[in-house]
C-alpha cells in the first residue's frame, strides 16, 4: 500500500539484530524530544515490556482485521508472529511536531522505504565480536543458534552498509555515544 505522506522525514534506526537500540533510545530521550512509532505485534508481551511503549500487543484476529481493512502501512511475519504499523499510528507521527523515529529490522526498513519515500535509514554498525558477546550475555544459546545469529548479523551489516542513508560506527555498545550521534543526525535533517 502506498501511503500519502507529508514532507516529514522518518528516521528508521537499525542495528544488527537490533542490539543496543532500546538503551540508545533511552539516552536519546534525554537529549531530544521525538515521536517513536510503536508497532503492533501478535506475540506475547515479555515481562519488561510496556504496552504502547514497546509494542501494541493485539490478537491475531485483530491484526487480520486491520490487514483485511487495509489499515496497516506495513506488516511482516517473524517466526510465528505478525508485526506491523497501523495507518493511524503513522498519521499520529506525521501530526506530531517532533522528529519521528521508528525502530525496525533492516529487511523491514528497506520494504518500508519503498512504501514511504521520506525515510532515512540510520544504521548502528557494531563489531561482530561485540554482537556475539551480547547474544551470549544472558544465556549461552546452542552453538547452532549462535552461529545462525552471527551469520544473520553479518548479512544485515553488509546489506546495511550498502543501503543505509547514514551509518554510526560504534566500537562497543555505548548508548550515550550512539544517542549523541543520533541526535546530531536527526537535528541536521
Protein backbone atom coordinates (compact mmCIF):
# COMPACT_ATOMS: atom_id res chain seq x y z
CA UNK A 1 0.00 0.00 0.00
CA UNK A 2 1.48 3.38 -0.98
CA UNK A 3 0.77 5.92 1.71
CA UNK A 4 0.32 9.66 1.14
CA UNK A 5 2.87 11.35 3.38
CA UNK A 6 3.59 14.96 4.19
CA UNK A 7 7.13 16.19 3.69
CA UNK A 8 8.34 14.97 7.04
CA UNK A 9 11.33 12.68 7.43
CA UNK A 10 11.00 9.45 9.35
CA UNK A 11 14.24 8.07 10.77
CA UNK A 12 14.33 4.29 10.88
CA UNK A 13 17.07 3.15 13.22
CA UNK A 14 18.52 -0.32 12.79
CA UNK A 15 21.44 -2.30 14.17
CA UNK A 16 22.49 -5.92 13.73
CA UNK A 17 19.77 -7.99 15.44
CA UNK A 18 18.54 -4.64 16.91
CA UNK A 19 21.21 -4.96 19.61
CA UNK A 20 21.64 -1.88 21.81
CA UNK A 21 18.76 0.14 20.39
CA UNK A 22 16.49 0.22 23.44
CA UNK A 23 19.23 1.71 25.66
CA UNK A 24 20.36 4.12 22.93
CA UNK A 25 16.77 5.42 22.59
CA UNK A 26 16.52 5.88 26.35
CA UNK A 27 19.64 8.06 26.16
CA UNK A 28 18.34 9.89 23.09
CA UNK A 29 15.19 10.83 25.04
CA UNK A 30 17.45 12.74 27.45
CA UNK A 31 18.87 14.78 24.55
CA UNK A 32 15.96 15.49 22.22
CA UNK A 33 12.21 15.03 22.08
CA UNK A 34 10.86 12.72 19.41
CA UNK A 35 7.81 10.71 18.43
CA UNK A 36 8.51 6.97 18.40
CA UNK A 37 6.39 4.86 16.08
CA UNK A 38 5.07 1.90 18.04
CA UNK A 39 4.47 -1.30 16.12
CA UNK A 40 1.66 -3.79 16.58
CA UNK A 41 2.50 -7.40 17.33
CA UNK A 42 0.64 -10.63 17.89
CA UNK A 43 3.37 -12.09 20.09
CA UNK A 44 3.10 -12.32 23.85
CA UNK A 45 4.35 -9.42 25.95
CA UNK A 46 7.68 -10.02 27.69
CA UNK A 47 7.82 -9.12 31.41
CA UNK A 48 9.85 -5.91 30.97
CA UNK A 49 7.83 -4.61 28.01
CA UNK A 50 5.22 -1.88 28.25
CA UNK A 51 2.02 -1.74 26.22
CA UNK A 52 2.08 1.30 23.91
CA UNK A 53 5.77 1.95 24.51
CA UNK A 54 7.47 -1.17 23.22
CA UNK A 55 4.58 -2.52 21.14
CA UNK A 56 0.83 -2.61 20.93
CA UNK A 57 0.05 -6.24 21.77
CA UNK A 58 -3.01 -7.40 19.85
CA UNK A 59 -4.67 -10.68 18.95
CA UNK A 60 -4.17 -12.43 15.63
CA UNK A 61 -7.83 -11.81 14.88
CA UNK A 62 -7.43 -8.04 15.44
CA UNK A 63 -4.29 -7.99 13.30
CA UNK A 64 -6.01 -9.87 10.49
CA UNK A 65 -8.99 -7.49 10.66
CA UNK A 66 -6.67 -4.46 10.29
CA UNK A 67 -4.98 -6.15 7.32
CA UNK A 68 -8.32 -7.00 5.68
CA UNK A 69 -9.50 -3.41 6.14
CA UNK A 70 -6.23 -2.18 4.58
CA UNK A 71 -5.37 -0.24 7.75
CA UNK A 72 -1.76 -1.45 8.03
CA UNK A 73 1.01 0.54 6.41
CA UNK A 74 3.41 -2.39 6.64
CA UNK A 75 3.14 -5.88 8.02
CA UNK A 76 5.51 -8.82 8.21
CA UNK A 77 5.87 -12.14 9.89
CA UNK A 78 8.76 -13.21 12.12
CA UNK A 79 8.73 -16.77 13.33
CA UNK A 80 5.03 -17.37 14.06
CA UNK A 81 4.06 -13.80 14.96
CA UNK A 82 2.92 -10.80 12.98
CA UNK A 83 4.25 -7.27 13.28
CA UNK A 84 3.10 -4.09 11.61
CA UNK A 85 2.25 -0.43 11.84
CA UNK A 86 -1.30 0.82 11.74
CA UNK A 87 -2.14 3.70 9.44
CA UNK A 88 -3.47 5.58 12.49
CA UNK A 89 -0.05 5.34 14.18
CA UNK A 90 1.66 6.85 11.17
CA UNK A 91 -0.95 9.62 10.99
CA UNK A 92 -0.22 10.48 14.66
CA UNK A 93 3.50 10.55 13.87
CA UNK A 94 3.01 12.95 10.96
CA UNK A 95 0.72 15.17 13.05
CA UNK A 96 3.41 15.47 15.71
CA UNK A 97 5.72 18.46 15.55
CA UNK A 98 8.56 16.24 16.79
CA UNK A 99 11.09 14.25 14.76
CA UNK A 100 9.78 10.74 14.06
CA UNK A 101 11.77 7.63 14.94
CA UNK A 102 10.97 4.06 14.02
CA UNK A 103 12.91 1.02 15.24
CA UNK A 104 12.90 -1.84 12.78
CA UNK A 105 14.92 -4.63 11.29
CA UNK A 106 16.84 -3.80 8.11
CA UNK A 107 14.77 -6.01 5.80
CA UNK A 108 11.58 -4.36 7.02
CA UNK A 109 13.17 -0.88 6.89
CA UNK A 110 14.02 -1.37 3.21
CA UNK A 111 10.45 -2.53 2.50
CA UNK A 112 9.04 0.45 4.40
CA UNK A 113 11.29 2.81 2.43
CA UNK A 114 9.69 1.54 -0.80
CA UNK A 115 6.24 2.44 0.54
CA UNK A 116 7.09 5.74 2.22
CA UNK A 117 9.52 7.92 0.27
CA UNK A 118 10.70 10.27 3.01
CA UNK A 119 12.51 7.64 5.08
CA UNK A 120 16.11 7.89 6.24
CA UNK A 121 17.68 4.65 7.45
CA UNK A 122 20.31 5.11 10.16
CA UNK A 123 22.42 2.02 10.76
CA UNK A 124 24.33 1.49 14.01
CA UNK A 125 27.34 -0.59 12.99
CA UNK A 126 28.63 -2.85 15.79
CA UNK A 127 31.61 -5.25 15.52
CA UNK A 128 30.64 -8.93 15.27
CA UNK A 129 32.70 -9.82 18.37
CA UNK A 130 30.57 -7.40 20.43
CA UNK A 131 27.39 -8.83 18.90
CA UNK A 132 28.45 -12.34 19.89
CA UNK A 133 29.11 -11.16 23.45
CA UNK A 134 25.64 -9.58 23.58
CA UNK A 135 23.94 -12.70 22.25
CA UNK A 136 25.55 -14.83 24.94
CA UNK A 137 25.22 -12.30 27.80
CA UNK A 138 22.04 -13.68 29.39
CA UNK A 139 22.37 -17.32 28.45
CA UNK A 140 24.55 -19.22 26.08
CA UNK A 141 22.45 -20.42 23.15
CA UNK A 142 23.22 -23.74 21.49
CA UNK A 143 26.18 -23.43 19.10
CA UNK A 144 23.99 -23.79 16.01
CA UNK A 145 21.70 -20.92 17.10
CA UNK A 146 24.68 -18.72 17.94
CA UNK A 147 26.24 -19.45 14.55
CA UNK A 148 22.94 -18.66 12.77
CA UNK A 149 22.57 -15.33 14.63
CA UNK A 150 26.16 -14.32 13.86
CA UNK A 151 25.65 -15.13 10.17
CA UNK A 152 22.40 -13.13 10.17
CA UNK A 153 24.12 -10.17 11.90
CA UNK A 154 26.92 -10.24 9.31
CA UNK A 155 24.40 -10.30 6.43
CA UNK A 156 22.42 -7.45 8.00
CA UNK A 157 25.61 -5.43 8.45
CA UNK A 158 26.75 -6.00 4.86
CA UNK A 159 23.32 -5.06 3.48
CA UNK A 160 23.02 -2.01 5.76
CA UNK A 161 26.43 -0.69 4.77
CA UNK A 162 25.17 -0.72 1.15
CA UNK A 163 21.67 0.65 1.80
CA UNK A 164 21.63 2.93 4.86
CA UNK A 165 21.40 6.68 4.42
CA UNK A 166 23.67 7.23 7.44
CA UNK A 167 25.97 4.96 9.44
CA UNK A 168 27.07 5.36 13.02
CA UNK A 169 30.21 3.34 13.74
CA UNK A 170 30.23 2.01 17.29
CA UNK A 171 33.28 0.10 18.51
CA UNK A 172 31.27 -1.01 21.56
CA UNK A 173 27.67 -0.69 22.61
CA UNK A 174 27.80 2.74 24.20
CA UNK A 175 24.24 4.09 24.40
CA UNK A 176 25.26 7.65 25.36
CA UNK A 177 27.66 7.99 22.43
CA UNK A 178 25.21 6.38 20.00
CA UNK A 179 22.48 8.75 21.25
CA UNK A 180 24.75 11.79 20.73
CA UNK A 181 25.41 10.73 17.13
CA UNK A 182 21.72 10.02 16.52
CA UNK A 183 20.76 13.44 17.90
CA UNK A 184 23.27 15.13 15.55
CA UNK A 185 21.92 13.29 12.52
CA UNK A 186 18.29 13.93 13.40
CA UNK A 187 18.79 17.62 14.16
CA UNK A 188 20.76 18.08 10.93
CA UNK A 189 17.82 16.91 8.83
